[in-house]
N, C-alpha and C. Protein backbone atom coordinates (compact mmCIF):
# COMPACT_ATOMS: atom_id res chain seq x y z
N UNK A 1 -57.89 24.79 76.38
CA UNK A 1 -57.60 23.23 75.07
C UNK A 1 -58.16 24.69 73.70
N UNK A 2 -58.88 25.04 74.03
CA UNK A 2 -59.11 25.63 72.24
C UNK A 2 -57.54 27.25 72.16
N UNK A 3 -57.60 27.28 73.08
CA UNK A 3 -56.00 28.56 72.77
C UNK A 3 -54.70 27.37 72.95
N UNK A 4 -54.44 26.11 73.20
CA UNK A 4 -53.61 25.82 72.75
C UNK A 4 -53.25 25.45 71.73
N UNK A 5 -55.08 24.72 70.67
CA UNK A 5 -54.60 24.82 68.74
C UNK A 5 -55.22 25.92 68.34
N UNK A 6 -54.88 26.53 68.33
CA UNK A 6 -54.61 28.11 68.11
C UNK A 6 -52.93 28.65 68.57
N UNK A 7 -52.02 27.81 69.09
CA UNK A 7 -50.47 28.41 69.16
C UNK A 7 -50.27 27.20 68.23
N UNK A 8 -50.71 26.39 67.86
CA UNK A 8 -49.77 25.20 67.49
C UNK A 8 -50.25 25.49 65.36
N UNK A 9 -51.72 26.67 65.08
CA UNK A 9 -52.15 26.32 63.90
C UNK A 9 -50.85 26.96 62.88
N UNK A 10 -50.60 27.71 63.69
CA UNK A 10 -49.14 28.05 62.18
C UNK A 10 -47.64 27.44 62.74
N UNK A 11 -48.03 26.64 62.83
CA UNK A 11 -46.09 25.39 63.09
C UNK A 11 -46.02 24.51 61.80
N UNK A 12 -47.55 24.10 61.23
CA UNK A 12 -47.40 23.19 60.55
C UNK A 12 -46.79 24.79 58.76
N UNK A 13 -47.50 25.52 58.93
CA UNK A 13 -47.05 26.48 58.00
C UNK A 13 -45.18 26.86 57.67
N UNK A 14 -45.20 27.61 59.13
CA UNK A 14 -43.41 27.68 59.10
C UNK A 14 -42.71 26.68 58.30
N UNK A 15 -42.90 25.48 58.85
CA UNK A 15 -42.67 23.71 58.73
C UNK A 15 -42.23 24.01 57.52
N UNK A 16 -43.67 24.29 56.87
CA UNK A 16 -43.62 23.80 55.35
C UNK A 16 -43.05 24.63 54.24
N UNK A 17 -42.97 26.00 54.70
CA UNK A 17 -42.51 27.46 54.05
C UNK A 17 -40.45 26.89 53.72
N UNK A 18 -40.29 26.59 55.77
CA UNK A 18 -38.50 26.15 55.49
C UNK A 18 -38.24 25.18 54.90
N UNK A 19 -39.54 24.28 54.57
CA UNK A 19 -39.31 22.40 53.69
C UNK A 19 -39.26 22.64 52.20
N UNK A 20 -39.83 23.93 51.14
CA UNK A 20 -39.64 24.64 50.17
C UNK A 20 -38.35 25.28 49.96
N UNK A 21 -38.34 26.21 51.26
CA UNK A 21 -36.77 26.98 50.44
C UNK A 21 -35.80 25.88 50.50
N UNK A 22 -35.34 24.64 51.23
CA UNK A 22 -34.93 23.88 51.28
C UNK A 22 -35.23 22.84 49.89
N UNK A 23 -35.40 22.75 49.25
CA UNK A 23 -35.91 22.17 47.90
C UNK A 23 -35.42 22.69 47.11
N UNK A 24 -36.04 24.06 47.59
CA UNK A 24 -35.07 25.28 46.40
C UNK A 24 -33.96 25.26 46.56
N UNK A 25 -33.74 25.47 47.04
CA UNK A 25 -32.60 26.09 46.78
C UNK A 25 -30.97 24.60 46.62
N UNK A 26 -31.35 23.04 46.81
CA UNK A 26 -31.82 22.33 46.83
C UNK A 26 -31.46 22.00 45.18
N UNK A 27 -32.12 22.59 44.92
CA UNK A 27 -32.80 21.91 43.18
C UNK A 27 -31.64 23.19 42.37
N UNK A 28 -31.59 24.77 42.99
CA UNK A 28 -30.88 25.14 41.80
C UNK A 28 -28.73 24.61 42.29
N UNK A 29 -28.96 24.61 43.07
CA UNK A 29 -27.25 23.79 43.43
C UNK A 29 -27.47 22.49 42.63
N UNK A 30 -28.45 21.64 42.58
CA UNK A 30 -28.29 20.92 41.77
C UNK A 30 -28.17 20.74 40.27
N UNK A 31 -29.10 21.68 39.68
CA UNK A 31 -28.58 23.19 38.34
C UNK A 31 -27.75 23.03 37.99
N UNK A 32 -27.13 23.87 39.22
CA UNK A 32 -25.92 24.45 39.44
C UNK A 32 -24.89 23.65 38.66
N UNK A 33 -24.23 22.51 39.55
CA UNK A 33 -23.45 21.10 39.39
C UNK A 33 -23.46 20.28 37.92
N UNK A 34 -25.01 20.19 37.91
CA UNK A 34 -25.26 19.27 37.03
C UNK A 34 -24.89 19.63 35.15
N UNK A 35 -25.17 21.74 35.17
CA UNK A 35 -24.10 22.49 34.06
C UNK A 35 -22.87 22.30 33.80
N UNK A 36 -22.76 22.93 36.01
CA UNK A 36 -21.17 22.08 35.43
C UNK A 36 -20.40 20.74 34.10
N UNK A 37 -21.05 19.86 34.61
CA UNK A 37 -21.02 18.48 34.32
C UNK A 37 -21.06 18.89 32.68
N UNK A 38 -22.46 18.88 32.36
CA UNK A 38 -22.27 18.70 31.39
C UNK A 38 -22.27 19.59 30.38
N UNK A 39 -21.65 20.91 30.94
CA UNK A 39 -20.47 21.52 29.22
C UNK A 39 -19.06 20.61 29.21
N UNK A 40 -18.37 20.45 30.77
CA UNK A 40 -17.38 20.10 30.73
C UNK A 40 -17.68 18.71 29.65
N UNK A 41 -18.14 17.94 29.69
CA UNK A 41 -18.32 16.85 29.00
C UNK A 41 -18.57 17.06 27.02
N UNK A 42 -19.16 18.57 27.44
CA UNK A 42 -19.41 18.82 25.47
C UNK A 42 -17.85 19.41 25.32
N UNK A 43 -17.30 20.30 26.50
CA UNK A 43 -16.11 21.08 26.70
C UNK A 43 -14.63 19.78 25.69
N UNK A 44 -14.71 18.50 26.45
CA UNK A 44 -14.08 17.26 26.12
C UNK A 44 -14.41 16.81 24.80
N UNK A 45 -15.99 16.68 24.62
CA UNK A 45 -16.21 15.93 23.19
C UNK A 45 -15.15 16.96 22.37
N UNK A 46 -15.88 17.82 22.69
CA UNK A 46 -14.88 18.56 21.66
C UNK A 46 -13.17 18.95 21.29
N UNK A 47 -12.64 18.83 22.68
CA UNK A 47 -11.29 18.70 22.32
C UNK A 47 -10.59 17.38 21.53
N UNK A 48 -11.09 16.24 22.22
CA UNK A 48 -10.75 15.10 21.25
C UNK A 48 -11.23 15.11 20.43
N UNK A 49 -12.61 15.51 19.25
CA UNK A 49 -12.71 15.29 18.24
C UNK A 49 -11.59 16.96 17.48
N UNK A 50 -11.61 17.23 18.15
CA UNK A 50 -10.03 18.06 17.91
C UNK A 50 -8.97 17.70 17.59
N UNK A 51 -8.20 17.01 18.38
CA UNK A 51 -7.34 15.79 18.23
C UNK A 51 -7.41 15.16 17.67
N UNK A 52 -8.18 14.56 17.29
CA UNK A 52 -8.16 13.48 16.70
C UNK A 52 -8.37 14.05 14.27
N UNK A 53 -9.29 15.19 14.54
CA UNK A 53 -9.08 15.65 13.46
C UNK A 53 -7.48 15.81 12.93
N UNK A 54 -6.73 16.98 13.69
CA UNK A 54 -5.24 17.33 13.64
C UNK A 54 -4.50 16.02 13.53
N UNK A 55 -5.11 14.81 14.43
CA UNK A 55 -3.83 14.02 14.41
C UNK A 55 -3.89 12.82 12.66
N UNK A 56 -5.08 13.54 12.19
CA UNK A 56 -5.52 12.72 10.35
C UNK A 56 -4.24 13.14 9.54
N UNK A 57 -3.93 14.14 10.20
CA UNK A 57 -2.97 14.71 8.91
C UNK A 57 -1.47 13.95 9.41
N UNK A 58 -1.52 13.88 8.21
CA UNK A 58 -0.10 12.97 7.81
C UNK A 58 0.26 13.31 7.38
N UNK A 59 2.39 13.47 7.78
CA UNK A 59 3.17 14.05 6.12
C UNK A 59 3.86 13.43 5.75
N UNK A 60 3.01 12.91 4.58
CA UNK A 60 3.26 11.77 3.66
C UNK A 60 4.25 12.00 2.23
N UNK A 61 4.78 13.36 2.35
CA UNK A 61 6.18 13.51 1.98
C UNK A 61 7.32 12.66 2.24
N UNK A 62 6.89 13.27 3.49
CA UNK A 62 8.14 12.40 4.99
C UNK A 62 8.01 10.61 4.44
N UNK A 63 6.92 10.72 4.77
CA UNK A 63 7.00 9.38 4.09
C UNK A 63 7.48 8.60 2.92
N UNK A 64 7.11 9.58 2.06
CA UNK A 64 7.46 8.98 0.46
C UNK A 64 9.45 9.17 0.22
N UNK A 65 9.23 10.71 0.68
CA UNK A 65 11.25 10.80 0.42
C UNK A 65 11.93 10.61 1.95
N UNK A 66 11.40 9.93 3.24
CA UNK A 66 12.00 10.22 4.00
C UNK A 66 12.47 9.05 4.30
N UNK A 67 12.59 8.66 5.95
CA UNK A 67 12.32 6.88 6.47
C UNK A 67 11.19 6.40 6.46
N UNK A 68 10.18 6.98 5.79
CA UNK A 68 9.08 6.20 6.30
C UNK A 68 7.66 5.90 7.02
N UNK A 69 8.63 6.67 7.94
CA UNK A 69 8.20 6.45 9.21
C UNK A 69 6.55 8.08 9.16
N UNK A 70 5.64 7.01 10.02
CA UNK A 70 4.31 8.39 9.75
C UNK A 70 4.52 8.81 10.27
N UNK A 71 4.42 10.52 10.74
CA UNK A 71 4.00 11.59 12.02
C UNK A 71 3.37 12.28 11.14
N UNK A 72 3.06 13.49 12.04
CA UNK A 72 2.09 14.46 12.15
C UNK A 72 2.79 15.26 10.92
N UNK A 73 1.56 16.32 9.91
CA UNK A 73 2.10 17.27 8.78
C UNK A 73 1.90 18.65 9.72
N UNK A 74 3.35 19.04 10.26
CA UNK A 74 3.37 19.68 11.69
C UNK A 74 3.42 21.11 10.61
N UNK A 75 3.31 21.49 9.42
CA UNK A 75 3.61 22.41 8.35
C UNK A 75 1.85 23.84 8.77
N UNK A 76 1.87 24.50 8.66
CA UNK A 76 1.19 25.95 9.20
C UNK A 76 -0.11 25.14 7.12
N UNK A 77 0.29 24.66 6.61
CA UNK A 77 -0.66 24.42 5.34
C UNK A 77 -1.74 24.18 5.63
N UNK A 78 -3.35 25.65 5.42
CA UNK A 78 -4.72 25.10 5.90
C UNK A 78 -4.64 23.42 5.47
N UNK A 79 -5.12 23.61 4.14
CA UNK A 79 -5.35 22.05 3.55
C UNK A 79 -5.13 20.72 4.75
N UNK A 80 -3.35 20.55 5.08
CA UNK A 80 -3.20 19.49 5.39
C UNK A 80 -2.41 19.15 6.50
N UNK A 81 -2.57 20.34 7.13
CA UNK A 81 -1.15 20.54 8.92
C UNK A 81 -2.31 20.42 9.68
N UNK A 82 -1.82 19.58 10.34
CA UNK A 82 -2.61 18.90 12.79
C UNK A 82 -2.96 20.50 12.54
N UNK A 83 -2.61 21.40 13.03
CA UNK A 83 -3.17 21.72 13.87
C UNK A 83 -4.23 23.25 13.03
N UNK A 84 -3.84 23.58 11.58
CA UNK A 84 -5.03 24.21 10.92
C UNK A 84 -6.11 22.98 10.77
N UNK A 85 -6.24 21.90 10.66
CA UNK A 85 -7.07 20.93 11.29
C UNK A 85 -7.54 21.00 12.45
N UNK A 86 -7.03 20.80 13.59
CA UNK A 86 -7.40 20.42 14.63
C UNK A 86 -7.77 21.75 15.16
N UNK A 87 -7.72 23.00 14.95
CA UNK A 87 -8.04 25.04 15.21
C UNK A 87 -9.88 24.78 14.14
N UNK A 88 -9.21 24.01 12.77
CA UNK A 88 -10.88 23.72 12.63
C UNK A 88 -12.40 23.13 12.98
N UNK A 89 -11.67 21.87 13.59
CA UNK A 89 -12.55 21.13 13.89
C UNK A 89 -13.23 21.62 15.51
N UNK A 90 -12.54 22.05 16.48
CA UNK A 90 -13.17 23.61 17.20
C UNK A 90 -14.06 24.29 16.99
N UNK A 91 -13.31 25.64 15.52
CA UNK A 91 -14.62 26.28 15.38
C UNK A 91 -15.72 25.78 15.11
N UNK A 92 -15.43 24.29 14.27
CA UNK A 92 -16.95 23.67 13.90
C UNK A 92 -17.85 22.90 15.48
N UNK A 93 -17.81 22.87 15.94
CA UNK A 93 -17.20 22.49 17.45
C UNK A 93 -18.40 23.64 18.18
N UNK A 94 -17.75 24.90 18.20
CA UNK A 94 -18.16 26.38 18.72
C UNK A 94 -19.63 27.04 17.58
N UNK A 95 -20.01 26.48 16.53
CA UNK A 95 -20.94 27.43 15.59
C UNK A 95 -21.85 26.79 16.62
N UNK A 96 -22.70 27.73 16.76
CA UNK A 96 -24.62 27.07 17.09
C UNK A 96 -25.38 25.88 15.45
N UNK A 97 -25.52 24.09 17.05
CA UNK A 97 -25.39 23.40 16.43
C UNK A 97 -23.72 22.32 16.47
N UNK A 98 -23.05 22.90 17.00
CA UNK A 98 -22.04 22.17 16.55
C UNK A 98 -22.06 20.70 17.85
N UNK A 99 -22.08 21.18 18.70
CA UNK A 99 -22.15 20.98 20.34
C UNK A 99 -21.20 21.53 21.40
N UNK A 100 -20.76 22.08 21.36
CA UNK A 100 -20.04 22.51 22.07
C UNK A 100 -20.48 24.26 21.85
N UNK A 101 -21.56 24.63 21.34
CA UNK A 101 -22.09 26.12 21.02
C UNK A 101 -22.19 26.50 21.89
N UNK A 102 -22.50 26.47 23.42
CA UNK A 102 -23.16 27.18 24.80
C UNK A 102 -21.66 27.04 25.39
N UNK A 103 -21.01 26.40 25.04
CA UNK A 103 -19.83 27.51 26.32
C UNK A 103 -18.37 27.38 25.86
N UNK A 104 -18.05 26.70 24.32
CA UNK A 104 -17.35 26.96 23.52
C UNK A 104 -16.92 27.67 23.30
N UNK A 105 -15.57 28.46 24.03
CA UNK A 105 -15.10 29.70 23.42
C UNK A 105 -13.42 29.81 22.26
N UNK A 106 -13.73 30.11 21.20
CA UNK A 106 -12.77 30.12 19.91
C UNK A 106 -12.61 31.53 20.26
N UNK A 107 -12.91 32.14 20.43
CA UNK A 107 -12.45 33.76 20.89
C UNK A 107 -11.09 34.32 21.14
N UNK A 108 -10.34 33.66 22.09
CA UNK A 108 -9.26 34.17 22.82
C UNK A 108 -8.50 32.92 22.46
N UNK A 109 -7.24 33.47 21.56
CA UNK A 109 -6.68 31.84 21.18
C UNK A 109 -5.60 31.07 22.29
N UNK A 110 -5.73 31.79 23.23
CA UNK A 110 -4.76 31.58 24.30
C UNK A 110 -5.79 30.24 24.97
N UNK A 111 -6.77 30.43 25.55
CA UNK A 111 -8.21 29.77 25.60
C UNK A 111 -8.13 27.80 24.93
N UNK A 112 -8.39 27.72 23.45
CA UNK A 112 -9.13 27.41 23.26
C UNK A 112 -8.02 27.09 22.03
N UNK A 113 -6.93 26.88 22.18
CA UNK A 113 -6.53 26.06 20.83
C UNK A 113 -5.37 24.84 20.56
N UNK A 114 -5.26 24.75 19.61
CA UNK A 114 -4.69 23.89 19.24
C UNK A 114 -3.37 23.75 18.80
N UNK A 115 -1.71 22.95 19.60
CA UNK A 115 -0.14 22.79 19.21
C UNK A 115 -0.08 21.36 19.09
N UNK A 116 1.17 21.49 18.56
CA UNK A 116 1.91 20.56 18.40
C UNK A 116 2.84 20.05 19.66
N UNK A 117 2.65 19.07 20.51
CA UNK A 117 3.16 18.31 21.89
C UNK A 117 5.31 18.79 20.93
N UNK A 118 5.85 19.95 22.56
CA UNK A 118 6.84 20.36 22.40
C UNK A 118 7.99 19.18 22.89
N UNK A 119 7.70 18.86 24.01
CA UNK A 119 8.95 18.71 24.75
C UNK A 119 9.35 17.27 23.91
N UNK A 120 8.90 16.73 22.94
CA UNK A 120 9.22 14.86 21.79
C UNK A 120 10.61 15.89 21.08
N UNK A 121 10.82 14.61 21.10
CA UNK A 121 13.01 14.72 20.23
C UNK A 121 11.95 14.85 18.70
N UNK A 122 12.69 15.87 18.21
CA UNK A 122 12.62 15.79 16.50
C UNK A 122 12.44 14.95 16.22
N UNK A 123 13.19 13.56 16.58
CA UNK A 123 13.10 12.26 15.44
C UNK A 123 11.71 11.20 15.70
N UNK A 124 11.43 11.76 16.94
CA UNK A 124 10.01 11.13 16.91
C UNK A 124 8.94 11.98 17.19
N UNK A 125 7.84 11.16 16.85
CA UNK A 125 6.65 10.83 16.53
C UNK A 125 5.42 12.00 18.26
N UNK A 126 5.14 12.95 17.32
CA UNK A 126 4.24 13.91 17.70
C UNK A 126 3.28 14.18 17.97
N UNK A 127 2.53 14.73 19.34
CA UNK A 127 1.24 14.71 19.51
C UNK A 127 1.19 15.66 19.40
N UNK A 128 -0.54 16.26 19.36
CA UNK A 128 -1.08 17.01 18.71
C UNK A 128 -2.06 17.42 20.43
N UNK A 129 -2.08 18.63 21.36
CA UNK A 129 -2.86 18.53 21.94
C UNK A 129 -4.01 19.71 21.79
N UNK A 130 -5.15 19.11 22.48
CA UNK A 130 -6.36 20.77 21.60
C UNK A 130 -6.99 20.42 22.72
N UNK A 131 -6.72 21.89 23.02
CA UNK A 131 -7.19 22.62 24.80
C UNK A 131 -9.06 23.40 24.57
N UNK A 132 -9.41 23.31 24.15
CA UNK A 132 -11.14 23.69 24.89
C UNK A 132 -11.84 24.43 25.97
N UNK A 133 -12.21 25.97 26.32
CA UNK A 133 -12.12 26.33 27.43
C UNK A 133 -13.71 27.20 27.12
N UNK A 134 -13.89 27.65 28.09
CA UNK A 134 -15.38 28.06 27.80
C UNK A 134 -16.03 27.99 29.43
N UNK A 135 -16.19 28.97 29.66
CA UNK A 135 -17.23 29.49 30.73
C UNK A 135 -18.87 29.44 30.90
N UNK A 136 -18.79 28.70 32.50
CA UNK A 136 -20.45 28.45 32.46
C UNK A 136 -20.57 29.18 34.00
N UNK A 137 -21.93 29.83 33.49
CA UNK A 137 -22.74 30.82 34.29
C UNK A 137 -23.44 30.27 34.89
N UNK A 138 -24.01 30.70 36.25
CA UNK A 138 -24.66 29.92 37.64
C UNK A 138 -26.12 30.73 38.12
N UNK A 139 -26.73 29.55 38.23
CA UNK A 139 -27.95 30.33 39.01
C UNK A 139 -27.75 30.78 40.94
N UNK A 140 -27.78 29.43 41.00
CA UNK A 140 -27.72 29.29 42.45
C UNK A 140 -26.60 30.53 43.09
N UNK A 141 -25.28 30.09 42.91
CA UNK A 141 -23.73 30.55 43.43
C UNK A 141 -23.75 32.02 42.82
N UNK A 142 -24.62 32.43 42.28
CA UNK A 142 -24.57 33.42 41.61
C UNK A 142 -25.42 34.56 42.70
N UNK A 143 -25.82 34.16 43.67
CA UNK A 143 -26.28 34.94 44.47
C UNK A 143 -25.54 34.79 45.49
N UNK A 144 -23.92 34.27 45.75
CA UNK A 144 -23.29 34.67 46.10
C UNK A 144 -22.12 34.80 46.51
N UNK A 145 -21.92 35.52 44.37
CA UNK A 145 -20.80 35.80 44.95
C UNK A 145 -20.27 34.83 43.50
N UNK A 146 -20.72 34.42 43.71
CA UNK A 146 -19.06 32.79 41.61
C UNK A 146 -20.48 33.32 41.05
N UNK A 147 -20.20 33.69 40.56
CA UNK A 147 -21.55 34.38 39.26
C UNK A 147 -20.67 32.85 37.86
N UNK A 148 -19.83 32.77 37.63
CA UNK A 148 -19.13 31.75 37.26
C UNK A 148 -17.74 31.17 37.26
N UNK A 149 -17.94 29.75 36.30
CA UNK A 149 -16.86 29.07 35.77
C UNK A 149 -16.21 28.50 35.07
N UNK A 150 -14.45 28.92 35.29
CA UNK A 150 -14.27 28.71 33.75
C UNK A 150 -13.31 27.59 33.85
N UNK A 151 -13.91 26.52 32.53
CA UNK A 151 -13.49 25.23 32.04
C UNK A 151 -12.78 25.59 31.07
N UNK A 152 -11.87 24.80 31.06
CA UNK A 152 -10.32 24.39 30.48
C UNK A 152 -10.65 22.72 30.73
N UNK A 153 -9.75 21.80 29.11
CA UNK A 153 -9.96 20.57 29.35
C UNK A 153 -8.79 20.36 28.02
N UNK A 154 -8.23 19.44 28.27
CA UNK A 154 -7.16 19.06 26.68
C UNK A 154 -7.24 17.37 26.88
N UNK A 155 -7.14 17.45 25.19
CA UNK A 155 -7.03 16.56 24.59
C UNK A 155 -5.44 15.86 23.70
N UNK A 156 -5.29 14.94 23.66
CA UNK A 156 -4.11 13.97 23.47
C UNK A 156 -4.70 13.38 22.10
N UNK A 157 -3.75 13.87 21.09
CA UNK A 157 -4.11 12.67 20.10
C UNK A 157 -2.63 12.19 18.94
N UNK A 158 -1.83 11.35 18.17
CA UNK A 158 -0.84 11.02 17.38
C UNK A 158 -1.82 10.30 16.47
N UNK A 159 -0.69 10.43 15.52
CA UNK A 159 -1.08 9.43 13.99
C UNK A 159 -1.43 8.29 14.69
N UNK A 160 -1.72 6.86 14.04
CA UNK A 160 -2.01 5.76 14.61
C UNK A 160 -1.57 4.97 13.29
N UNK A 161 -0.92 3.82 13.31
CA UNK A 161 0.36 3.24 12.70
C UNK A 161 -0.52 1.72 12.53
N UNK A 162 -0.26 0.46 12.02
CA UNK A 162 -1.00 -0.19 11.10
C UNK A 162 0.00 -1.59 12.30
N UNK A 163 1.43 -0.98 12.09
CA UNK A 163 2.87 -1.88 12.45
C UNK A 163 3.46 -0.57 12.86
N UNK A 164 4.20 -1.48 13.94
CA UNK A 164 5.32 -0.73 15.21
C UNK A 164 6.31 -0.10 14.55
N UNK A 165 6.57 -0.95 13.04
CA UNK A 165 8.16 -0.91 12.67
C UNK A 165 7.64 0.76 12.04
N UNK A 166 6.60 0.94 11.42
CA UNK A 166 5.85 2.19 10.64
C UNK A 166 5.52 3.44 11.58
N UNK A 167 5.91 3.10 12.77
CA UNK A 167 6.05 4.23 13.71
C UNK A 167 7.28 4.45 14.61
N UNK A 168 7.61 5.66 15.22
CA UNK A 168 7.99 6.29 16.28
C UNK A 168 7.89 5.46 17.20
């Protein structure tokens, strides 16, 4: 009887170590997946804010001298153009304390960018598209060769009008 008790005394330790390993691995996996979700939400907020900032750039000259329709200012003017306003907002979000500074990459202009949608007719209202990109580094998945994940989100916005006759 005494010999049988000695053989089973280490069994609970092995179970406890196995269970602790499973809890640790699960916690790291949840941490990595949560980080991806949070950083994607930050990028989404940055893209939304940038697209909306760009959509506030209205071509005032065309309203006064043209057909009176409200349209985006497609000029490259730093102070009033839609794309420069959008890009300035992306830069603000990328600054330390800007909301997405931990993930937003504005160093590569092909990743995080602002552009006017080009598949819309000349006389129609145009949409501004803001794309925000970044990279999330992993903890657990890095042990298996997946060290990071590239994230890209886009947001579309256009000028708003008080009446349908003022818009295209």
